[in-house]
Amino acid sequence: MTTTSATTATMPAARSAEVSRNTAETKIRVRVNLDGTGQAKLSTGIGFFDHMLEQIARHGMIDLEIEAQGDLHIDGHHTVEDVGITLGQAFAKAMGDKKGIRRYGHAYVPLDEALSRVVVDFSGRPGLEMHVPFKSGMIGAFDTQLAFEFFQGFVNHAFVTLHIDNLRGDNAHHQCETVFKAFARALRAAVEADPRAAGIIPSTKGSL
């Protein structure tokens, strides 16, 4: 009698990337390891933003290093947006041809009274639908409008479709944190290996 071993999904040995972005407004360096353990080394000059980026690393099981120097004497807009752009570029580079990934991910995350849902598709097409009625304009030194700018920068350069909905919440800190945690967990689901689709691009088109 012959036996066959089960096929297991294998991913490229190193799904990591480092990208730098230097402009007259910001200097950004991002390094990601999509198969990490959730380690984070972050320095953007905006404390609450660092706290949100740490959620991406920890709950996405992504090793993440971000160094950002921006024109914070003006405001945080350029820094937050450019971090989103550079992180998106790093993801696109680390993902490669996307063979063997699940492609789609979604997550619901609560924090006390707040609840958010995030759905992501590594579709190759950038698109963002974000509906978060923040109850405050500022969280510490972080302008809540900049959450949209971060995610817009990310989707435009990671080439993903992203739907973000804060379903309820009365505290802006809780609203924002549930969004970033749900984003992280949706990313984790989407980029992980599908054991039934090793070496296969998850699209009937044959490319993403």
N, C-alpha and C. Protein backbone atom coordinates (compact mmCIF):
# COMPACT_ATOMS: atom_id res chain seq x y z
N MET A 1 0.85 -1.19 0.00
CA MET A 1 0.00 0.00 0.00
C MET A 1 0.88 1.23 0.00
N THR A 2 0.54 2.20 -0.84
CA THR A 2 1.32 3.43 -0.89
C THR A 2 0.60 4.51 -0.11
N THR A 3 1.38 5.38 0.43
CA THR A 3 0.82 6.51 1.17
C THR A 3 1.32 7.80 0.55
N THR A 4 0.54 8.82 0.66
CA THR A 4 0.94 10.13 0.16
C THR A 4 0.87 11.12 1.30
N SER A 5 1.79 12.03 1.33
CA SER A 5 1.79 13.05 2.37
C SER A 5 0.90 14.20 1.95
N ALA A 6 0.31 14.84 2.92
CA ALA A 6 -0.58 15.97 2.63
C ALA A 6 0.23 17.15 2.10
N THR A 7 -0.34 17.83 1.13
CA THR A 7 0.31 19.01 0.59
C THR A 7 0.10 20.18 1.53
N THR A 8 1.16 20.86 1.84
CA THR A 8 1.04 22.04 2.69
C THR A 8 1.38 23.28 1.89
N ALA A 9 0.74 24.36 2.24
CA ALA A 9 1.00 25.61 1.54
C ALA A 9 2.36 26.16 1.95
N THR A 10 3.11 26.58 0.97
CA THR A 10 4.40 27.19 1.26
C THR A 10 4.42 28.58 0.68
N MET A 11 5.02 29.49 1.41
CA MET A 11 5.14 30.86 0.96
C MET A 11 6.62 31.14 0.70
N PRO A 12 6.94 32.21 -0.02
CA PRO A 12 8.34 32.56 -0.22
C PRO A 12 9.07 32.68 1.10
N ALA A 13 10.37 32.35 1.10
CA ALA A 13 11.15 32.29 2.33
C ALA A 13 11.11 33.60 3.10
N ALA A 14 11.15 34.71 2.39
CA ALA A 14 11.19 35.99 3.09
C ALA A 14 10.20 36.95 2.46
N ARG A 15 9.07 37.11 3.11
CA ARG A 15 8.10 38.10 2.62
C ARG A 15 8.32 39.38 3.41
N SER A 16 9.40 40.04 3.10
CA SER A 16 9.75 41.27 3.79
C SER A 16 10.20 42.30 2.77
N ALA A 17 10.17 43.54 3.18
CA ALA A 17 10.58 44.62 2.28
C ALA A 17 10.92 45.85 3.09
N GLU A 18 11.78 46.67 2.52
CA GLU A 18 12.12 47.96 3.12
C GLU A 18 11.98 49.03 2.05
N VAL A 19 11.31 50.12 2.39
CA VAL A 19 11.06 51.21 1.45
C VAL A 19 11.32 52.54 2.15
N SER A 20 11.94 53.45 1.44
CA SER A 20 12.17 54.80 1.96
C SER A 20 11.47 55.82 1.06
N ARG A 21 11.02 56.89 1.66
CA ARG A 21 10.38 57.99 0.93
C ARG A 21 10.91 59.29 1.49
N ASN A 22 11.57 60.07 0.65
CA ASN A 22 12.15 61.33 1.08
C ASN A 22 11.60 62.46 0.22
N THR A 23 10.93 63.40 0.86
CA THR A 23 10.40 64.56 0.16
C THR A 23 10.81 65.82 0.92
N ALA A 24 10.38 66.96 0.42
CA ALA A 24 10.65 68.21 1.13
C ALA A 24 9.86 68.31 2.43
N GLU A 25 8.85 67.44 2.58
CA GLU A 25 7.99 67.49 3.76
C GLU A 25 8.28 66.40 4.78
N THR A 26 8.73 65.23 4.31
CA THR A 26 8.93 64.10 5.21
C THR A 26 10.12 63.25 4.77
N LYS A 27 10.65 62.52 5.74
CA LYS A 27 11.63 61.47 5.47
C LYS A 27 11.12 60.23 6.20
N ILE A 28 10.79 59.20 5.43
CA ILE A 28 10.14 58.01 5.98
C ILE A 28 10.94 56.76 5.60
N ARG A 29 11.11 55.87 6.56
CA ARG A 29 11.66 54.53 6.27
C ARG A 29 10.74 53.50 6.91
N VAL A 30 10.32 52.53 6.10
CA VAL A 30 9.43 51.47 6.58
C VAL A 30 10.03 50.12 6.23
N ARG A 31 10.01 49.23 7.20
CA ARG A 31 10.40 47.85 6.96
C ARG A 31 9.32 46.93 7.50
N VAL A 32 8.88 45.96 6.68
CA VAL A 32 7.86 45.02 7.11
C VAL A 32 8.33 43.59 6.89
N ASN A 33 7.90 42.72 7.78
CA ASN A 33 8.04 41.27 7.61
C ASN A 33 6.65 40.70 7.82
N LEU A 34 6.03 40.24 6.74
CA LEU A 34 4.64 39.79 6.82
C LEU A 34 4.49 38.49 7.60
N ASP A 35 5.57 37.78 7.81
CA ASP A 35 5.54 36.52 8.54
C ASP A 35 6.24 36.65 9.88
N GLY A 36 6.04 37.79 10.51
CA GLY A 36 6.73 38.08 11.76
C GLY A 36 5.97 37.60 12.98
N THR A 37 6.33 38.19 14.11
CA THR A 37 5.72 37.82 15.40
C THR A 37 5.06 39.01 16.09
N GLY A 38 4.87 40.10 15.34
CA GLY A 38 4.19 41.25 15.92
C GLY A 38 5.10 42.26 16.59
N GLN A 39 6.39 42.21 16.27
CA GLN A 39 7.32 43.16 16.87
C GLN A 39 7.22 44.52 16.19
N ALA A 40 7.37 45.58 16.95
CA ALA A 40 7.24 46.93 16.40
C ALA A 40 8.34 47.84 16.93
N LYS A 41 8.87 48.65 16.04
CA LYS A 41 9.82 49.70 16.40
C LYS A 41 9.36 50.94 15.64
N LEU A 42 8.79 51.91 16.37
CA LEU A 42 8.06 52.99 15.74
C LEU A 42 8.49 54.34 16.27
N SER A 43 8.63 55.29 15.35
CA SER A 43 8.97 56.64 15.76
C SER A 43 8.48 57.61 14.69
N THR A 44 7.28 58.19 14.93
CA THR A 44 6.71 59.13 13.96
C THR A 44 6.62 60.55 14.51
N GLY A 45 6.84 60.70 15.81
CA GLY A 45 6.69 62.01 16.42
C GLY A 45 5.27 62.31 16.86
N ILE A 46 4.33 61.39 16.59
CA ILE A 46 2.94 61.55 16.99
C ILE A 46 2.58 60.34 17.85
N GLY A 47 2.49 60.54 19.16
CA GLY A 47 2.36 59.42 20.09
C GLY A 47 1.17 58.51 19.81
N PHE A 48 0.00 59.10 19.59
CA PHE A 48 -1.17 58.27 19.37
C PHE A 48 -1.07 57.49 18.06
N PHE A 49 -0.47 58.09 17.05
CA PHE A 49 -0.27 57.41 15.77
C PHE A 49 0.66 56.20 15.94
N ASP A 50 1.72 56.37 16.72
CA ASP A 50 2.60 55.23 17.03
C ASP A 50 1.80 54.12 17.71
N HIS A 51 0.91 54.50 18.61
CA HIS A 51 0.07 53.53 19.32
C HIS A 51 -0.81 52.75 18.33
N MET A 52 -1.35 53.42 17.32
CA MET A 52 -2.18 52.76 16.32
C MET A 52 -1.35 51.85 15.41
N LEU A 53 -0.17 52.31 15.03
CA LEU A 53 0.70 51.48 14.20
C LEU A 53 1.15 50.22 14.94
N GLU A 54 1.31 50.35 16.25
CA GLU A 54 1.66 49.17 17.05
C GLU A 54 0.54 48.13 17.01
N GLN A 55 -0.70 48.59 16.91
CA GLN A 55 -1.82 47.65 16.80
C GLN A 55 -1.72 46.83 15.51
N ILE A 56 -1.29 47.49 14.42
CA ILE A 56 -1.13 46.78 13.15
C ILE A 56 -0.10 45.67 13.29
N ALA A 57 1.01 45.98 13.94
CA ALA A 57 2.05 44.97 14.12
C ALA A 57 1.57 43.84 15.02
N ARG A 58 1.08 44.19 16.20
CA ARG A 58 0.74 43.18 17.20
C ARG A 58 -0.41 42.28 16.75
N HIS A 59 -1.48 42.87 16.26
CA HIS A 59 -2.66 42.08 15.92
C HIS A 59 -2.58 41.51 14.50
N GLY A 60 -1.70 42.08 13.67
CA GLY A 60 -1.50 41.52 12.33
C GLY A 60 -0.38 40.50 12.28
N MET A 61 0.33 40.33 13.40
CA MET A 61 1.50 39.44 13.44
C MET A 61 2.49 39.82 12.34
N ILE A 62 2.73 41.12 12.24
CA ILE A 62 3.62 41.69 11.24
C ILE A 62 4.74 42.41 11.98
N ASP A 63 5.99 42.08 11.69
CA ASP A 63 7.09 42.85 12.24
C ASP A 63 7.17 44.16 11.47
N LEU A 64 7.22 45.27 12.20
CA LEU A 64 7.08 46.58 11.57
C LEU A 64 8.05 47.58 12.18
N GLU A 65 8.85 48.17 11.32
CA GLU A 65 9.74 49.26 11.72
C GLU A 65 9.38 50.49 10.91
N ILE A 66 9.13 51.59 11.60
CA ILE A 66 8.82 52.85 10.91
C ILE A 66 9.57 53.98 11.59
N GLU A 67 10.36 54.69 10.81
CA GLU A 67 11.02 55.91 11.26
C GLU A 67 10.50 57.04 10.39
N ALA A 68 9.96 58.07 11.00
CA ALA A 68 9.39 59.18 10.24
C ALA A 68 9.81 60.50 10.85
N GLN A 69 10.29 61.38 9.99
CA GLN A 69 10.56 62.76 10.37
C GLN A 69 9.75 63.63 9.43
N GLY A 70 8.87 64.43 9.99
CA GLY A 70 8.00 65.25 9.16
C GLY A 70 7.87 66.66 9.69
N ASP A 71 7.16 67.47 8.93
CA ASP A 71 6.99 68.89 9.28
C ASP A 71 5.87 69.05 10.30
N LEU A 72 6.11 68.49 11.48
CA LEU A 72 5.09 68.52 12.54
C LEU A 72 4.87 69.93 13.09
N HIS A 73 5.78 70.85 12.79
CA HIS A 73 5.56 72.23 13.21
C HIS A 73 4.38 72.84 12.44
N ILE A 74 4.02 72.22 11.31
CA ILE A 74 2.82 72.65 10.57
C ILE A 74 1.62 71.89 11.12
N ASP A 75 1.61 70.58 10.90
CA ASP A 75 0.65 69.67 11.51
C ASP A 75 1.07 68.26 11.15
N GLY A 76 0.24 67.27 11.49
CA GLY A 76 0.63 65.89 11.26
C GLY A 76 0.25 65.32 9.91
N HIS A 77 -0.39 66.13 9.05
CA HIS A 77 -0.96 65.61 7.81
C HIS A 77 0.07 64.91 6.94
N HIS A 78 1.15 65.61 6.60
CA HIS A 78 2.13 65.02 5.68
C HIS A 78 2.77 63.77 6.25
N THR A 79 3.04 63.79 7.55
CA THR A 79 3.68 62.62 8.18
C THR A 79 2.76 61.41 8.13
N VAL A 80 1.51 61.57 8.54
CA VAL A 80 0.58 60.44 8.59
C VAL A 80 0.30 59.91 7.18
N GLU A 81 0.04 60.81 6.25
CA GLU A 81 -0.24 60.40 4.88
C GLU A 81 0.95 59.67 4.26
N ASP A 82 2.15 60.20 4.45
CA ASP A 82 3.33 59.61 3.83
C ASP A 82 3.71 58.28 4.47
N VAL A 83 3.43 58.11 5.75
CA VAL A 83 3.61 56.80 6.37
C VAL A 83 2.67 55.79 5.72
N GLY A 84 1.42 56.20 5.48
CA GLY A 84 0.48 55.32 4.80
C GLY A 84 0.95 54.93 3.42
N ILE A 85 1.45 55.90 2.66
CA ILE A 85 1.96 55.65 1.32
C ILE A 85 3.13 54.67 1.36
N THR A 86 4.08 54.92 2.25
CA THR A 86 5.28 54.11 2.30
C THR A 86 4.98 52.71 2.82
N LEU A 87 4.09 52.59 3.79
CA LEU A 87 3.68 51.27 4.27
C LEU A 87 3.00 50.49 3.15
N GLY A 88 2.16 51.16 2.37
CA GLY A 88 1.52 50.50 1.24
C GLY A 88 2.54 50.00 0.23
N GLN A 89 3.54 50.81 -0.07
CA GLN A 89 4.59 50.40 -1.00
C GLN A 89 5.35 49.19 -0.47
N ALA A 90 5.62 49.19 0.84
CA ALA A 90 6.34 48.07 1.44
C ALA A 90 5.51 46.78 1.37
N PHE A 91 4.21 46.90 1.62
CA PHE A 91 3.33 45.73 1.51
C PHE A 91 3.33 45.18 0.10
N ALA A 92 3.18 46.06 -0.88
CA ALA A 92 3.13 45.62 -2.28
C ALA A 92 4.42 44.90 -2.66
N LYS A 93 5.54 45.43 -2.21
CA LYS A 93 6.83 44.81 -2.52
C LYS A 93 6.97 43.46 -1.83
N ALA A 94 6.57 43.38 -0.57
CA ALA A 94 6.71 42.14 0.19
C ALA A 94 5.76 41.05 -0.31
N MET A 95 4.59 41.43 -0.82
CA MET A 95 3.60 40.46 -1.27
C MET A 95 4.01 39.76 -2.56
N GLY A 96 4.80 40.42 -3.39
CA GLY A 96 5.21 39.80 -4.64
C GLY A 96 4.03 39.51 -5.54
N ASP A 97 3.99 38.29 -6.12
CA ASP A 97 2.91 37.96 -7.08
C ASP A 97 1.64 37.47 -6.40
N LYS A 98 1.64 37.36 -5.07
CA LYS A 98 0.47 37.00 -4.26
C LYS A 98 0.04 35.54 -4.42
N LYS A 99 0.90 34.71 -4.96
CA LYS A 99 0.56 33.29 -5.07
C LYS A 99 0.38 32.67 -3.69
N GLY A 100 -0.68 31.87 -3.54
CA GLY A 100 -0.87 31.10 -2.33
C GLY A 100 -1.51 31.82 -1.17
N ILE A 101 -1.85 33.11 -1.33
CA ILE A 101 -2.47 33.84 -0.22
C ILE A 101 -3.98 33.65 -0.24
N ARG A 102 -4.61 33.96 0.88
CA ARG A 102 -6.07 33.89 0.94
C ARG A 102 -6.73 35.05 0.20
N ARG A 103 -6.04 36.16 0.11
CA ARG A 103 -6.47 37.37 -0.62
C ARG A 103 -7.46 38.21 0.16
N TYR A 104 -8.50 37.62 0.71
CA TYR A 104 -9.54 38.35 1.43
C TYR A 104 -9.36 38.19 2.93
N GLY A 105 -9.70 39.22 3.67
CA GLY A 105 -9.71 39.13 5.12
C GLY A 105 -10.74 40.08 5.70
N HIS A 106 -11.33 39.70 6.82
CA HIS A 106 -12.26 40.60 7.49
C HIS A 106 -12.16 40.38 8.99
N ALA A 107 -12.55 41.39 9.74
CA ALA A 107 -12.51 41.27 11.20
C ALA A 107 -13.48 42.27 11.82
N TYR A 108 -14.11 41.84 12.89
CA TYR A 108 -14.86 42.72 13.79
C TYR A 108 -14.06 42.81 15.08
N VAL A 109 -13.89 44.03 15.59
CA VAL A 109 -13.17 44.20 16.85
C VAL A 109 -13.93 45.18 17.75
N PRO A 110 -14.22 44.77 18.98
CA PRO A 110 -14.85 45.67 19.95
C PRO A 110 -13.81 46.26 20.92
N LEU A 111 -14.12 47.37 21.48
CA LEU A 111 -13.39 47.93 22.62
C LEU A 111 -14.40 48.70 23.45
N ASP A 112 -14.79 48.10 24.55
CA ASP A 112 -15.84 48.68 25.39
C ASP A 112 -17.09 48.96 24.54
N GLU A 113 -17.49 50.23 24.44
CA GLU A 113 -18.73 50.55 23.72
C GLU A 113 -18.55 50.61 22.20
N ALA A 114 -17.31 50.60 21.73
CA ALA A 114 -17.03 50.78 20.30
C ALA A 114 -16.90 49.43 19.59
N LEU A 115 -17.32 49.41 18.32
CA LEU A 115 -17.23 48.21 17.50
C LEU A 115 -16.97 48.62 16.06
N SER A 116 -15.94 48.02 15.45
CA SER A 116 -15.61 48.33 14.06
C SER A 116 -15.45 47.06 13.25
N ARG A 117 -15.73 47.20 11.96
CA ARG A 117 -15.58 46.11 10.99
C ARG A 117 -14.67 46.58 9.86
N VAL A 118 -13.70 45.74 9.49
CA VAL A 118 -12.82 46.04 8.37
C VAL A 118 -12.76 44.83 7.45
N VAL A 119 -12.89 45.09 6.16
CA VAL A 119 -12.80 44.05 5.13
C VAL A 119 -11.76 44.48 4.11
N VAL A 120 -10.84 43.58 3.77
CA VAL A 120 -9.77 43.90 2.83
C VAL A 120 -9.68 42.86 1.73
N ASP A 121 -9.35 43.31 0.53
CA ASP A 121 -9.16 42.46 -0.63
C ASP A 121 -7.87 42.90 -1.32
N PHE A 122 -6.90 41.99 -1.40
CA PHE A 122 -5.66 42.30 -2.14
C PHE A 122 -5.93 42.11 -3.62
N SER A 123 -6.75 43.01 -4.14
CA SER A 123 -7.35 42.89 -5.47
C SER A 123 -6.45 43.38 -6.59
N GLY A 124 -5.44 44.18 -6.26
CA GLY A 124 -4.66 44.85 -7.29
C GLY A 124 -5.30 46.16 -7.73
N ARG A 125 -6.44 46.50 -7.12
CA ARG A 125 -7.16 47.73 -7.46
C ARG A 125 -7.36 48.56 -6.19
N PRO A 126 -6.84 49.77 -6.17
CA PRO A 126 -6.99 50.59 -4.97
C PRO A 126 -8.41 51.14 -4.83
N GLY A 127 -8.96 50.98 -3.64
CA GLY A 127 -10.29 51.54 -3.37
C GLY A 127 -10.53 51.59 -1.88
N LEU A 128 -11.08 52.70 -1.40
CA LEU A 128 -11.33 52.87 0.03
C LEU A 128 -12.75 53.36 0.25
N GLU A 129 -13.47 52.66 1.12
CA GLU A 129 -14.75 53.12 1.66
C GLU A 129 -14.58 53.16 3.18
N MET A 130 -14.60 54.35 3.74
CA MET A 130 -14.37 54.50 5.17
C MET A 130 -15.49 55.33 5.78
N HIS A 131 -16.17 54.76 6.76
CA HIS A 131 -17.29 55.42 7.40
C HIS A 131 -17.09 55.35 8.91
N VAL A 132 -16.46 56.39 9.44
CA VAL A 132 -16.15 56.45 10.87
C VAL A 132 -16.56 57.83 11.39
N PRO A 133 -17.69 57.91 12.06
CA PRO A 133 -18.16 59.20 12.60
C PRO A 133 -17.47 59.51 13.94
N PHE A 134 -16.24 59.97 13.87
CA PHE A 134 -15.48 60.24 15.09
C PHE A 134 -16.21 61.24 15.97
N LYS A 135 -16.23 60.97 17.27
CA LYS A 135 -16.92 61.83 18.23
C LYS A 135 -16.06 62.98 18.71
N SER A 136 -14.80 63.00 18.27
CA SER A 136 -13.89 64.09 18.63
C SER A 136 -12.94 64.34 17.47
N GLY A 137 -12.55 65.60 17.30
CA GLY A 137 -11.64 65.94 16.22
C GLY A 137 -10.19 65.63 16.51
N MET A 138 -9.84 65.52 17.79
CA MET A 138 -8.46 65.26 18.17
C MET A 138 -8.41 64.14 19.20
N ILE A 139 -7.36 63.31 19.08
CA ILE A 139 -7.03 62.33 20.11
C ILE A 139 -5.57 62.60 20.47
N GLY A 140 -5.34 63.25 21.59
CA GLY A 140 -3.99 63.72 21.88
C GLY A 140 -3.58 64.71 20.80
N ALA A 141 -2.43 64.46 20.16
CA ALA A 141 -1.95 65.33 19.08
C ALA A 141 -2.33 64.79 17.71
N PHE A 142 -3.23 63.79 17.67
CA PHE A 142 -3.61 63.16 16.42
C PHE A 142 -4.96 63.69 15.95
N ASP A 143 -4.97 64.30 14.76
CA ASP A 143 -6.20 64.78 14.14
C ASP A 143 -6.94 63.58 13.56
N THR A 144 -8.16 63.34 14.00
CA THR A 144 -8.87 62.14 13.56
C THR A 144 -9.14 62.13 12.06
N GLN A 145 -9.15 63.29 11.40
CA GLN A 145 -9.29 63.31 9.95
C GLN A 145 -8.15 62.58 9.25
N LEU A 146 -7.01 62.50 9.93
CA LEU A 146 -5.83 61.91 9.30
C LEU A 146 -5.89 60.39 9.22
N ALA A 147 -6.81 59.77 9.96
CA ALA A 147 -6.99 58.32 9.82
C ALA A 147 -7.37 58.00 8.38
N PHE A 148 -8.26 58.80 7.79
CA PHE A 148 -8.63 58.59 6.39
C PHE A 148 -7.43 58.77 5.48
N GLU A 149 -6.62 59.78 5.72
CA GLU A 149 -5.45 60.04 4.87
C GLU A 149 -4.45 58.88 4.94
N PHE A 150 -4.29 58.30 6.13
CA PHE A 150 -3.39 57.15 6.27
C PHE A 150 -3.89 55.98 5.43
N PHE A 151 -5.16 55.64 5.58
CA PHE A 151 -5.69 54.48 4.85
C PHE A 151 -5.76 54.75 3.35
N GLN A 152 -6.04 55.98 2.95
CA GLN A 152 -6.05 56.30 1.52
C GLN A 152 -4.66 56.13 0.93
N GLY A 153 -3.64 56.61 1.64
CA GLY A 153 -2.27 56.42 1.17
C GLY A 153 -1.92 54.95 1.07
N PHE A 154 -2.35 54.17 2.07
CA PHE A 154 -2.04 52.73 2.06
C PHE A 154 -2.69 52.03 0.88
N VAL A 155 -3.99 52.21 0.67
CA VAL A 155 -4.67 51.46 -0.40
C VAL A 155 -4.16 51.87 -1.77
N ASN A 156 -3.82 53.14 -1.96
CA ASN A 156 -3.34 53.59 -3.26
C ASN A 156 -2.03 52.93 -3.66
N HIS A 157 -1.23 52.53 -2.67
CA HIS A 157 0.11 52.02 -2.98
C HIS A 157 0.27 50.54 -2.66
N ALA A 158 -0.61 49.98 -1.84
CA ALA A 158 -0.63 48.52 -1.65
C ALA A 158 -1.55 47.86 -2.68
N PHE A 159 -2.35 48.67 -3.37
CA PHE A 159 -3.29 48.19 -4.40
C PHE A 159 -4.28 47.20 -3.80
N VAL A 160 -4.97 47.66 -2.76
CA VAL A 160 -5.98 46.85 -2.10
C VAL A 160 -7.31 47.60 -2.10
N THR A 161 -8.39 46.84 -1.97
CA THR A 161 -9.71 47.39 -1.72
C THR A 161 -9.99 47.26 -0.24
N LEU A 162 -10.41 48.34 0.39
CA LEU A 162 -10.54 48.37 1.85
C LEU A 162 -11.86 49.02 2.25
N HIS A 163 -12.64 48.31 3.05
CA HIS A 163 -13.89 48.84 3.59
C HIS A 163 -13.76 48.92 5.11
N ILE A 164 -13.99 50.11 5.65
CA ILE A 164 -13.87 50.36 7.08
C ILE A 164 -15.17 50.96 7.58
N ASP A 165 -15.76 50.33 8.58
CA ASP A 165 -16.99 50.85 9.18
C ASP A 165 -16.90 50.79 10.69
N ASN A 166 -17.03 51.94 11.32
CA ASN A 166 -17.22 51.97 12.77
C ASN A 166 -18.72 51.85 13.02
N LEU A 167 -19.13 50.73 13.57
CA LEU A 167 -20.56 50.43 13.72
C LEU A 167 -21.18 51.14 14.91
N ARG A 168 -20.37 51.38 15.94
CA ARG A 168 -20.85 52.16 17.08
C ARG A 168 -19.65 52.61 17.90
N GLY A 169 -19.85 53.62 18.71
CA GLY A 169 -18.79 54.11 19.57
C GLY A 169 -19.05 55.53 20.02
N ASP A 170 -18.74 55.81 21.28
CA ASP A 170 -18.93 57.14 21.84
C ASP A 170 -17.61 57.83 22.18
N ASN A 171 -16.52 57.07 22.20
CA ASN A 171 -15.22 57.60 22.57
C ASN A 171 -14.29 57.50 21.35
N ALA A 172 -13.75 58.62 20.92
CA ALA A 172 -12.95 58.65 19.69
C ALA A 172 -11.72 57.75 19.77
N HIS A 173 -11.10 57.68 20.94
CA HIS A 173 -9.94 56.79 21.12
C HIS A 173 -10.37 55.36 20.86
N HIS A 174 -11.47 54.95 21.44
CA HIS A 174 -11.97 53.59 21.26
C HIS A 174 -12.36 53.34 19.80
N GLN A 175 -13.00 54.32 19.17
CA GLN A 175 -13.39 54.17 17.77
C GLN A 175 -12.16 53.92 16.90
N CYS A 176 -11.15 54.75 17.07
CA CYS A 176 -9.96 54.65 16.24
C CYS A 176 -9.20 53.35 16.51
N GLU A 177 -9.10 52.97 17.76
CA GLU A 177 -8.36 51.76 18.10
C GLU A 177 -9.05 50.52 17.56
N THR A 178 -10.37 50.47 17.60
CA THR A 178 -11.05 49.31 17.03
C THR A 178 -10.85 49.24 15.52
N VAL A 179 -10.79 50.38 14.86
CA VAL A 179 -10.54 50.41 13.42
C VAL A 179 -9.16 49.83 13.10
N PHE A 180 -8.13 50.29 13.81
CA PHE A 180 -6.77 49.82 13.51
C PHE A 180 -6.58 48.36 13.89
N LYS A 181 -7.19 47.93 14.98
CA LYS A 181 -7.08 46.52 15.35
C LYS A 181 -7.79 45.63 14.34
N ALA A 182 -8.97 46.03 13.91
CA ALA A 182 -9.70 45.25 12.92
C ALA A 182 -8.95 45.24 11.59
N PHE A 183 -8.35 46.36 11.22
CA PHE A 183 -7.53 46.42 10.02
C PHE A 183 -6.38 45.42 10.11
N ALA A 184 -5.73 45.37 11.26
CA ALA A 184 -4.61 44.45 11.45
C ALA A 184 -5.04 43.00 11.31
N ARG A 185 -6.13 42.65 11.92
CA ARG A 185 -6.58 41.26 11.88
C ARG A 185 -7.10 40.87 10.50
N ALA A 186 -7.69 41.82 9.78
CA ALA A 186 -8.10 41.56 8.41
C ALA A 186 -6.87 41.35 7.51
N LEU A 187 -5.84 42.16 7.71
CA LEU A 187 -4.59 41.98 6.96
C LEU A 187 -4.00 40.60 7.23
N ARG A 188 -3.96 40.23 8.49
CA ARG A 188 -3.38 38.93 8.86
C ARG A 188 -4.09 37.79 8.13
N ALA A 189 -5.41 37.84 8.08
CA ALA A 189 -6.17 36.80 7.41
C ALA A 189 -5.91 36.80 5.91
N ALA A 190 -5.81 37.98 5.31
CA ALA A 190 -5.69 38.08 3.86
C ALA A 190 -4.33 37.63 3.35
N VAL A 191 -3.27 37.90 4.08
CA VAL A 191 -1.93 37.61 3.58
C VAL A 191 -1.43 36.22 3.95
N GLU A 192 -2.16 35.50 4.82
CA GLU A 192 -1.66 34.19 5.23
C GLU A 192 -1.82 33.16 4.12
N ALA A 193 -1.06 32.08 4.23
CA ALA A 193 -1.07 31.02 3.23
C ALA A 193 -2.37 30.23 3.28
N ASP A 194 -2.92 29.93 2.10
CA ASP A 194 -4.09 29.07 1.98
C ASP A 194 -3.59 27.66 1.68
N PRO A 195 -3.76 26.70 2.59
CA PRO A 195 -3.21 25.36 2.39
C PRO A 195 -3.79 24.63 1.20
N ARG A 196 -4.90 25.08 0.65
CA ARG A 196 -5.50 24.42 -0.51
C ARG A 196 -5.13 25.11 -1.82
N ALA A 197 -4.34 26.18 -1.75
CA ALA A 197 -4.06 26.96 -2.95
C ALA A 197 -2.58 27.31 -3.08
N ALA A 198 -1.72 26.38 -2.66
CA ALA A 198 -0.28 26.64 -2.73
C ALA A 198 0.15 26.90 -4.17
N GLY A 199 0.85 28.01 -4.38
CA GLY A 199 1.38 28.33 -5.70
C GLY A 199 0.35 28.86 -6.68
N ILE A 200 -0.87 29.09 -6.21
CA ILE A 200 -1.94 29.54 -7.09
C ILE A 200 -2.27 31.00 -6.80
N ILE A 201 -2.42 31.79 -7.86
CA ILE A 201 -2.87 33.17 -7.70
C ILE A 201 -4.37 33.15 -7.49
N PRO A 202 -4.87 33.75 -6.42
CA PRO A 202 -6.29 33.66 -6.09
C PRO A 202 -7.17 34.58 -6.94
N SER A 203 -7.21 34.31 -8.23
CA SER A 203 -8.04 35.08 -9.15
C SER A 203 -8.25 34.27 -10.42
N THR A 204 -9.46 34.31 -10.98
CA THR A 204 -9.73 33.63 -12.24
C THR A 204 -9.02 34.31 -13.40
N LYS A 205 -8.55 35.55 -13.18
CA LYS A 205 -7.81 36.25 -14.23
C LYS A 205 -6.39 35.74 -14.35
N GLY A 206 -5.90 35.10 -13.30
CA GLY A 206 -4.53 34.59 -13.31
C GLY A 206 -3.49 35.60 -12.86
N SER A 207 -3.94 36.78 -12.44
CA SER A 207 -3.00 37.78 -11.91
C SER A 207 -3.79 38.75 -11.03
N LEU A 208 -3.07 39.37 -10.11
CA LEU A 208 -3.65 40.37 -9.22
C LEU A 208 -2.74 41.60 -9.20
